[in-house]
Protein backbone atom coordinates (compact mmCIF):
# COMPACT_ATOMS: atom_id res chain seq x y z
CA UNK A 1 -13.91 23.35 3.81
CA UNK A 2 -13.99 20.88 1.17
CA UNK A 3 -15.80 17.54 1.03
CA UNK A 4 -12.29 15.83 1.08
CA UNK A 5 -11.11 17.85 4.00
CA UNK A 6 -14.25 17.15 5.98
CA UNK A 7 -13.89 13.37 5.24
CA UNK A 8 -10.39 13.49 6.30
CA UNK A 9 -11.46 15.19 9.75
CA UNK A 10 -14.07 12.73 10.43
CA UNK A 11 -11.84 9.78 9.49
CA UNK A 12 -9.11 11.19 12.10
CA UNK A 13 -11.73 11.36 14.97
CA UNK A 14 -11.51 8.09 17.10
CA UNK A 15 -14.44 5.82 17.87
CA UNK A 16 -16.51 6.99 15.00
CA UNK A 17 -16.14 4.67 12.00
CA UNK A 18 -17.31 4.61 8.36
CA UNK A 19 -20.73 3.19 9.17
CA UNK A 20 -21.85 5.81 11.59
CA UNK A 21 -20.44 8.57 9.18
CA UNK A 22 -22.28 7.24 6.23
CA UNK A 23 -25.58 7.63 8.42
CA UNK A 24 -24.54 11.02 9.33
CA UNK A 25 -23.89 11.87 5.78
CA UNK A 26 -27.28 10.41 4.54
CA UNK A 27 -28.95 12.65 7.32
CA UNK A 28 -27.21 15.91 6.93
CA UNK A 29 -26.34 15.74 3.12
CA UNK A 30 -22.50 16.14 3.32
CA UNK A 31 -19.64 15.70 5.33
CA UNK A 32 -19.18 19.42 5.94
CA UNK A 33 -22.52 19.74 7.29
CA UNK A 34 -21.75 16.99 10.04
CA UNK A 35 -19.04 19.22 11.34
CA UNK A 36 -21.19 22.35 11.76
CA UNK A 37 -24.32 20.51 13.04
CA UNK A 38 -25.31 21.17 16.68
CA UNK A 39 -25.39 18.43 19.38
CA UNK A 40 -29.12 17.97 19.37
CA UNK A 41 -29.30 17.32 15.72
CA UNK A 42 -26.40 15.08 15.78
CA UNK A 43 -27.78 12.81 18.57
CA UNK A 44 -30.88 12.59 16.45
CA UNK A 45 -29.25 10.39 13.97
CA UNK A 46 -29.36 6.60 14.64
CA UNK A 47 -26.42 5.28 16.49
CA UNK A 48 -24.92 8.65 17.42
CA UNK A 49 -24.94 8.97 21.14
CA UNK A 50 -23.78 12.05 23.27
CA UNK A 51 -20.14 10.99 23.39
CA UNK A 52 -19.94 10.76 19.74
CA UNK A 53 -21.81 14.06 19.15
CA UNK A 54 -19.26 15.61 21.54
CA UNK A 55 -16.37 14.33 19.82
CA UNK A 56 -17.61 15.72 16.35
CA UNK A 57 -18.48 19.04 18.02
CA UNK A 58 -15.07 19.41 19.50
CA UNK A 59 -13.15 18.10 16.54
CA UNK A 60 -10.93 21.11 16.18
CA UNK A 61 -9.54 20.61 19.67
CA UNK A 62 -8.96 16.87 19.13
CA UNK A 63 -7.07 16.75 15.53
CA UNK A 64 -4.85 18.99 13.48
CA UNK A 65 -6.47 18.56 10.13
CA UNK A 66 -4.12 21.44 8.51
CA UNK A 67 -0.97 19.62 9.76
CA UNK A 68 -2.14 16.26 8.43
CA UNK A 69 -3.04 17.85 5.06
CA UNK A 70 0.25 19.41 4.88
CA UNK A 71 2.25 16.21 5.63
CA UNK A 72 0.14 14.32 2.86
CA UNK A 73 1.33 16.98 0.57
CA UNK A 74 4.93 17.00 1.75
CA UNK A 75 5.25 13.33 1.29
CA UNK A 76 3.87 13.29 -2.25
CA UNK A 77 0.77 11.25 -1.12
CA UNK A 78 -2.87 11.58 -2.26
CA UNK A 79 -6.09 11.03 -0.60
CA UNK A 80 -8.90 9.24 -2.45
CA UNK A 81 -12.44 9.32 -1.34
CA UNK A 82 -15.50 7.40 -2.63
CA UNK A 83 -16.30 10.55 -4.89
CA UNK A 84 -13.03 9.91 -6.97
CA UNK A 85 -12.91 7.59 -9.80
CA UNK A 86 -9.82 5.98 -8.31
CA UNK A 87 -11.82 4.62 -5.36
CA UNK A 88 -12.26 0.89 -6.15
CA UNK A 89 -15.83 0.11 -6.98
CA UNK A 90 -15.79 -3.22 -5.34
CA UNK A 91 -14.59 -1.61 -2.21
CA UNK A 92 -17.25 0.95 -2.46
CA UNK A 93 -19.96 -1.71 -2.29
CA UNK A 94 -18.75 -3.36 0.66
CA UNK A 95 -20.88 -2.83 4.14
CA UNK A 96 -18.15 -0.42 5.58
CA UNK A 97 -15.89 1.07 2.96
CA UNK A 98 -13.25 3.38 4.25
CA UNK A 99 -14.13 7.00 4.34
CA UNK A 100 -10.78 7.95 2.96
CA UNK A 101 -7.60 5.89 1.29
CA UNK A 102 -4.36 7.54 1.94
CA UNK A 103 -2.25 6.42 -1.27
CA UNK A 104 1.21 6.30 -1.84
CA UNK A 105 1.79 5.50 -5.54
CA UNK A 106 -1.19 5.31 -7.78
CA UNK A 107 -4.55 3.47 -8.19
CA UNK A 108 -5.41 2.76 -11.88
CA UNK A 109 -8.25 1.24 -13.77
CA UNK A 110 -6.39 -2.10 -14.18
CA UNK A 111 -6.49 -2.50 -10.47
CA UNK A 112 -10.25 -3.44 -10.83
CA UNK A 113 -8.94 -6.78 -11.77
CA UNK A 114 -7.45 -7.66 -8.63
CA UNK A 115 -6.78 -10.96 -6.74
CA UNK A 116 -5.73 -11.14 -2.98
CA UNK A 117 -2.88 -13.38 -1.97
CA UNK A 118 -2.72 -13.92 1.64
CA UNK A 119 -0.94 -16.37 4.13
CA UNK A 120 1.17 -17.02 7.22
CA UNK A 121 4.02 -14.65 8.37
CA UNK A 122 5.99 -17.53 9.54
CA UNK A 123 6.03 -19.36 6.25
CA UNK A 124 8.12 -22.34 4.70
CA UNK A 125 10.25 -22.44 1.74
CA UNK A 126 7.49 -23.99 -0.07
CA UNK A 127 4.96 -21.34 0.99
CA UNK A 128 7.47 -18.68 -0.01
CA UNK A 129 8.07 -20.20 -3.50
CA UNK A 130 4.45 -20.90 -4.17
CA UNK A 131 3.37 -17.27 -3.31
CA UNK A 132 5.90 -15.87 -5.66
CA UNK A 133 4.80 -18.29 -8.26
CA UNK A 134 1.06 -17.60 -8.16
CA UNK A 135 1.65 -13.75 -8.18
CA UNK A 136 4.29 -13.81 -10.76
CA UNK A 137 1.78 -15.90 -13.13
CA UNK A 138 -1.17 -13.93 -12.18
CA UNK A 139 0.52 -10.49 -12.50
CA UNK A 140 1.93 -11.64 -15.81
CA UNK A 141 -1.74 -12.25 -17.11
CA UNK A 142 -2.77 -8.76 -16.13
CA UNK A 143 -4.15 -9.20 -12.78
CA UNK A 144 -3.24 -6.76 -9.85
CA UNK A 145 -2.07 -8.68 -6.74
CA UNK A 146 -3.40 -7.26 -3.40
CA UNK A 147 -1.82 -8.06 -0.15
CA UNK A 148 -1.00 -6.77 3.17
CA UNK A 149 2.67 -6.14 3.07
CA UNK A 150 3.24 -8.39 6.14
CA UNK A 151 6.11 -10.64 6.76
CA UNK A 152 5.83 -14.24 5.03
CA UNK A 153 3.47 -14.73 2.24
CA UNK A 154 2.30 -11.26 1.59
CA UNK A 155 5.93 -10.13 1.10
CA UNK A 156 6.63 -12.67 -1.36
CA UNK A 157 3.25 -12.03 -3.14
CA UNK A 158 4.14 -8.27 -3.69
CA UNK A 159 7.52 -9.33 -4.72
CA UNK A 160 6.48 -12.03 -7.31
CA UNK A 161 4.18 -9.16 -8.90
CA UNK A 162 7.00 -6.86 -9.32
CA UNK A 163 9.32 -9.61 -10.76
CA UNK A 164 6.36 -10.04 -13.46
CA UNK A 165 6.57 -6.20 -14.05
CA UNK A 166 2.98 -6.21 -13.04
CA UNK A 167 0.93 -4.48 -10.44
CA UNK A 168 0.45 -4.91 -6.82
CA UNK A 169 -1.43 -3.02 -3.91
CA UNK A 170 -0.23 -3.16 -0.45
CA UNK A 171 -2.93 -2.54 2.07
CA UNK A 172 -1.41 -1.78 5.53
CA UNK A 173 -2.51 -1.98 9.14
CA UNK A 174 -0.94 1.40 10.08
CA UNK A 175 -0.54 4.97 8.67
CA UNK A 176 1.58 5.62 5.77
CA UNK A 177 3.95 7.55 7.96
CA UNK A 178 4.39 4.30 10.17
CA UNK A 179 5.18 1.54 7.51
CA UNK A 180 4.96 -1.71 9.16
CA UNK A 181 6.88 -3.98 9.41
CA UNK A 182 9.75 -1.44 9.11
CA UNK A 183 11.93 -4.00 7.07
CA UNK A 184 9.45 -3.91 4.28
CA UNK A 185 10.02 0.01 3.76
CA UNK A 186 12.36 -0.79 0.63
CA UNK A 187 9.60 -2.90 -0.74
CA UNK A 188 6.84 -0.35 -0.24
CA UNK A 189 9.15 2.42 -1.98
CA UNK A 190 9.40 -0.24 -4.99
CA UNK A 191 5.63 -0.77 -5.00
CA UNK A 192 4.96 3.01 -5.04
CA UNK A 193 7.41 3.61 -7.58
CA UNK A 194 5.40 2.61 -10.53
CA UNK A 195 4.29 -0.91 -9.65
CA UNK A 196 1.19 0.01 -7.82
CA UNK A 197 0.11 1.59 -4.48
CA UNK A 198 0.63 1.36 -0.89
CA UNK A 199 -2.74 2.12 0.86
CA UNK A 200 -4.08 3.06 4.26
CA UNK A 201 -7.44 4.02 5.63
CA UNK A 202 -5.67 5.20 8.75
CA UNK A 203 -4.33 8.72 9.62
CA UNK A 204 -0.63 9.15 8.84
CA UNK A 205 0.95 8.45 12.29
CA UNK A 206 -1.41 5.70 13.21
CA UNK A 207 0.62 2.75 14.64
CA UNK A 208 -0.36 -0.87 13.82
CA UNK A 209 -2.36 -2.63 16.75
CA UNK A 210 -4.57 -5.53 17.21
CA UNK A 211 -7.43 -3.49 16.02
CA UNK A 212 -6.18 -2.11 12.81
CA UNK A 213 -5.10 -5.59 11.16
CA UNK A 214 -8.50 -6.93 10.91
CA UNK A 215 -9.81 -3.55 9.42
CA UNK A 216 -7.01 -3.85 6.86
CA UNK A 217 -8.05 -7.53 6.25
CA UNK A 218 -11.70 -6.48 5.29
CA UNK A 219 -10.23 -4.04 2.64
CA UNK A 220 -8.20 -6.70 1.19
CA UNK A 221 -11.24 -9.00 1.07
CA UNK A 222 -13.43 -6.48 -0.39
CA UNK A 223 -11.14 -5.04 -3.11
CA UNK A 224 -10.13 -8.39 -4.70
CA UNK A 225 -12.36 -10.42 -7.05
CA UNK A 226 -11.10 -13.60 -5.33
CA UNK A 227 -8.81 -14.51 -2.16
CA UNK A 228 -6.07 -16.95 -2.57
CA UNK A 229 -4.69 -18.53 0.64
CA UNK A 230 -1.12 -19.85 0.10
CA UNK A 231 -0.13 -21.27 3.57
CA UNK A 232 -1.66 -20.52 6.94
CA UNK A 233 -2.41 -22.25 10.26
CA UNK A 234 -5.82 -23.22 11.41
CA UNK A 235 -6.40 -19.74 13.01
CA UNK A 236 -4.79 -16.58 11.38
CA UNK A 237 -5.33 -13.44 9.92
CA UNK A 238 -5.24 -14.95 6.46
CA UNK A 239 -8.20 -17.30 7.49
CA UNK A 240 -10.12 -14.37 8.67
CA UNK A 241 -9.50 -12.60 5.41
CA UNK A 242 -10.67 -15.68 3.62
CA UNK A 243 -13.70 -15.79 5.72
CA UNK A 244 -14.30 -12.16 5.12
CA UNK A 245 -14.13 -12.89 1.42
CA UNK A 246 -16.67 -15.82 1.54
CA UNK A 247 -19.26 -13.57 3.43
CA UNK A 248 -19.01 -11.18 0.58
CA UNK A 249 -19.68 -13.79 -1.91
CA UNK A 250 -16.05 -13.80 -3.08
CA UNK A 251 -14.44 -16.91 -4.52
CA UNK A 252 -11.70 -18.35 -2.04
CA UNK A 253 -8.94 -20.49 -3.46
CA UNK A 254 -6.46 -22.59 -1.34
CA UNK A 255 -3.21 -24.18 -1.91
CA UNK A 256 -2.71 -27.65 -0.38
CA UNK A 257 0.38 -28.44 1.52
CA UNK A 258 2.05 -31.16 3.59
CA UNK A 259 -0.57 -32.88 5.86
CA UNK A 260 1.88 -32.72 8.69
CA UNK A 261 2.77 -29.15 8.71
CA UNK A 262 0.89 -26.61 10.94
CA UNK A 263 1.09 -23.98 8.44
CA UNK A 264 -0.86 -25.94 5.84
CA UNK A 265 -3.80 -26.88 8.48
CA UNK A 266 -5.71 -23.72 7.53
CA UNK A 267 -5.65 -24.16 3.83
CA UNK A 268 -6.73 -27.88 4.32
CA UNK A 269 -9.62 -26.60 6.36
CA UNK A 270 -10.78 -24.16 3.95
CA UNK A 271 -10.63 -26.72 1.16
CA UNK A 272 -12.70 -29.16 3.21
CA UNK A 273 -15.12 -25.99 3.83
CA UNK A 274 -15.66 -25.38 0.03
CA UNK A 275 -12.76 -23.49 -0.98
CA UNK A 276 -11.30 -24.42 -4.49
CA UNK A 277 -8.04 -26.18 -4.59
CA UNK A 278 -5.66 -24.79 -6.78
CA UNK A 279 -1.92 -25.92 -7.72
CA UNK A 280 -1.08 -23.08 -10.22
CA UNK A 281 -1.94 -19.66 -11.55
CA UNK A 282 -3.75 -21.03 -14.61
CA UNK A 283 -6.25 -22.81 -12.30
CA UNK A 284 -7.37 -19.43 -10.87
CA UNK A 285 -7.51 -17.88 -14.45
CA UNK A 286 -9.67 -20.71 -16.06
CA UNK A 287 -11.91 -20.65 -12.82
CA UNK A 288 -12.35 -16.89 -13.16
CA UNK A 289 -13.15 -17.09 -16.99
CA UNK A 290 -16.21 -19.35 -15.99
CA UNK A 291 -17.74 -17.14 -13.29
CA UNK A 292 -21.37 -16.22 -13.90
CA UNK A 293 -22.24 -12.73 -15.43
CA UNK A 294 -24.85 -10.71 -13.65
CA UNK A 295 -27.57 -12.19 -16.11
CA UNK A 296 -26.66 -15.72 -14.95
CA UNK A 297 -24.87 -16.67 -18.25
CA UNK A 298 -21.23 -18.00 -18.30
CA UNK A 299 -18.51 -15.80 -19.40
CA UNK A 300 -16.33 -18.45 -20.84
CA UNK A 301 -19.32 -20.03 -22.65
CA UNK A 302 -20.79 -16.77 -24.15
CA UNK A 303 -21.36 -17.13 -28.01
CA UNK A 304 -19.30 -14.67 -29.81
CA UNK A 305 -22.68 -12.75 -30.95
CA UNK A 306 -23.20 -11.83 -27.21
CA UNK A 307 -20.00 -9.59 -27.10
CA UNK A 308 -20.12 -6.16 -27.96
CA UNK A 309 -18.28 -4.86 -31.04
CA UNK A 310 -14.53 -5.41 -30.42
CA UNK A 311 -12.44 -2.14 -30.69
CA UNK A 312 -9.17 -0.59 -29.66
CA UNK A 313 -6.56 -2.72 -28.03
CA UNK A 314 -9.06 -5.61 -27.84
CA UNK A 315 -9.13 -5.86 -31.58
CA UNK A 316 -5.43 -5.22 -31.92
CA UNK A 317 -4.89 -8.42 -29.93
CA UNK A 318 -7.78 -10.54 -31.45
CA UNK A 319 -6.68 -9.77 -34.96
CA UNK A 320 -3.01 -10.59 -33.91
CA UNK A 321 -4.16 -14.04 -32.64
CA UNK A 322 -6.27 -14.82 -35.68
CA UNK A 323 -4.91 -18.20 -36.82
CA UNK A 324 -1.78 -17.66 -34.56
CA UNK A 325 -0.51 -18.92 -31.13
CA UNK A 326 1.75 -16.11 -29.76
CA UNK A 327 3.76 -15.34 -26.60
CA UNK A 328 3.69 -11.92 -24.83
CA UNK A 329 6.80 -10.49 -26.58
CA UNK A 330 5.30 -11.73 -30.01
CA UNK A 331 2.07 -9.62 -29.15
CA UNK A 332 3.90 -6.62 -28.01
CA UNK A 333 5.59 -6.81 -31.54
CA UNK A 334 2.48 -7.64 -33.46
CA UNK A 335 0.32 -4.71 -31.77
CA UNK A 336 2.84 -2.40 -30.69
CA UNK A 337 0.99 -1.75 -27.51
CA UNK A 338 2.62 -1.28 -24.19
CA UNK A 339 3.22 -4.39 -21.93
CA UNK A 340 0.64 -3.44 -19.10
CA UNK A 341 -2.06 -2.70 -21.57
CA UNK A 342 -1.33 -6.03 -23.44
CA UNK A 343 -1.53 -7.90 -20.04
CA UNK A 344 -4.67 -6.18 -18.95
CA UNK A 345 -6.42 -6.71 -22.39
CA UNK A 346 -5.52 -10.28 -22.45
CA UNK A 347 -6.96 -10.74 -18.94
CA UNK A 348 -10.29 -9.18 -19.97
CA UNK A 349 -10.40 -11.16 -23.50
CA UNK A 350 -9.77 -14.38 -21.48
CA UNK A 351 -12.67 -13.54 -18.92
CA UNK A 352 -14.80 -12.84 -21.80
CA UNK A 353 -13.93 -15.99 -23.33
CA UNK A 354 -12.37 -14.69 -26.46
CA UNK A 355 -8.76 -15.81 -25.72
CA UNK A 356 -7.20 -18.76 -24.12
CA UNK A 357 -3.95 -19.01 -22.38
CA UNK A 358 -1.88 -22.27 -23.34
CA UNK A 359 0.94 -23.90 -21.33
CA UNK A 360 4.39 -21.80 -21.92
CA UNK A 361 2.70 -18.55 -21.76
CA UNK A 362 1.26 -18.58 -25.25
CA UNK A 363 -2.20 -17.29 -26.19
CA UNK A 364 -4.61 -18.22 -28.90
CA UNK A 365 -8.18 -17.24 -29.83
CA UNK A 366 -11.04 -19.36 -28.69
């Protein structure tokens, strides 16, 4: 048995969870060793009682690992573990990262530059348009939009990113064999077909429940650099995601709405509690470019001598913008780079303080 297969098996067992499995791996050295350990050794690990030990010992009677892996293969899906390069670093550093991620589509390097957009399922026209607008602007600038494929704000965030020919990640609260809501199957197919990935930590045939959605929300909050709440009532899943992001030290942005709309009450509360009020995608890009680095310096204010030598696509774009102010299409022509690479590189250069986006979608060197 491989490490990947053992992790899938452990993930399929009920009531064990990633935190307990991590303790077991630390103790036994590998996932495979956990499945062959005797009951006494299992119960010797902190947090592992007799019931959990019995579940692990009898795992072959509880789950059909071969059928699960065959179904993953038949559906053209992949399984990503923390040992794989595709597993998001930000997610790996959270308190309880998923043991495995079932992936429909592909997770790419650019998806490290991710922003979550969340909000109400019952949204107004204002919320719908605002969600699409933010997602379009940010995806155009090279950020990957992470959301939950839910009705309302999530749906329009994914659609806005696709309209911008950008990338989006849909983290769902069910297995990939039970896409929810079912009316978003066509959207899920579109995301997986070259626009990003639909991702779940749950076994394929897991149905959505009150337990799975909060688990999904923690992945959304951990994966993204920051969370934008577009429209939500006072208490909602979006509010929970924002609170989780705050606990993780992530920046929370909120869009103000009409004061007499219950769907705006959550955003207004977040703003009163310290969330950053934003009215457009450029507000977020400007703010991200000024986030402190690990050494305490400010990205947007770093002198040019603090940057490493610029090479590759970075150099092509910086040279093209030397004394020029160009649109995306002009940069594509000048650099002969692909659109996704140009978008990702511009975002990185903005964060490093080397490039600035101007009104009208034009870019210039700082």
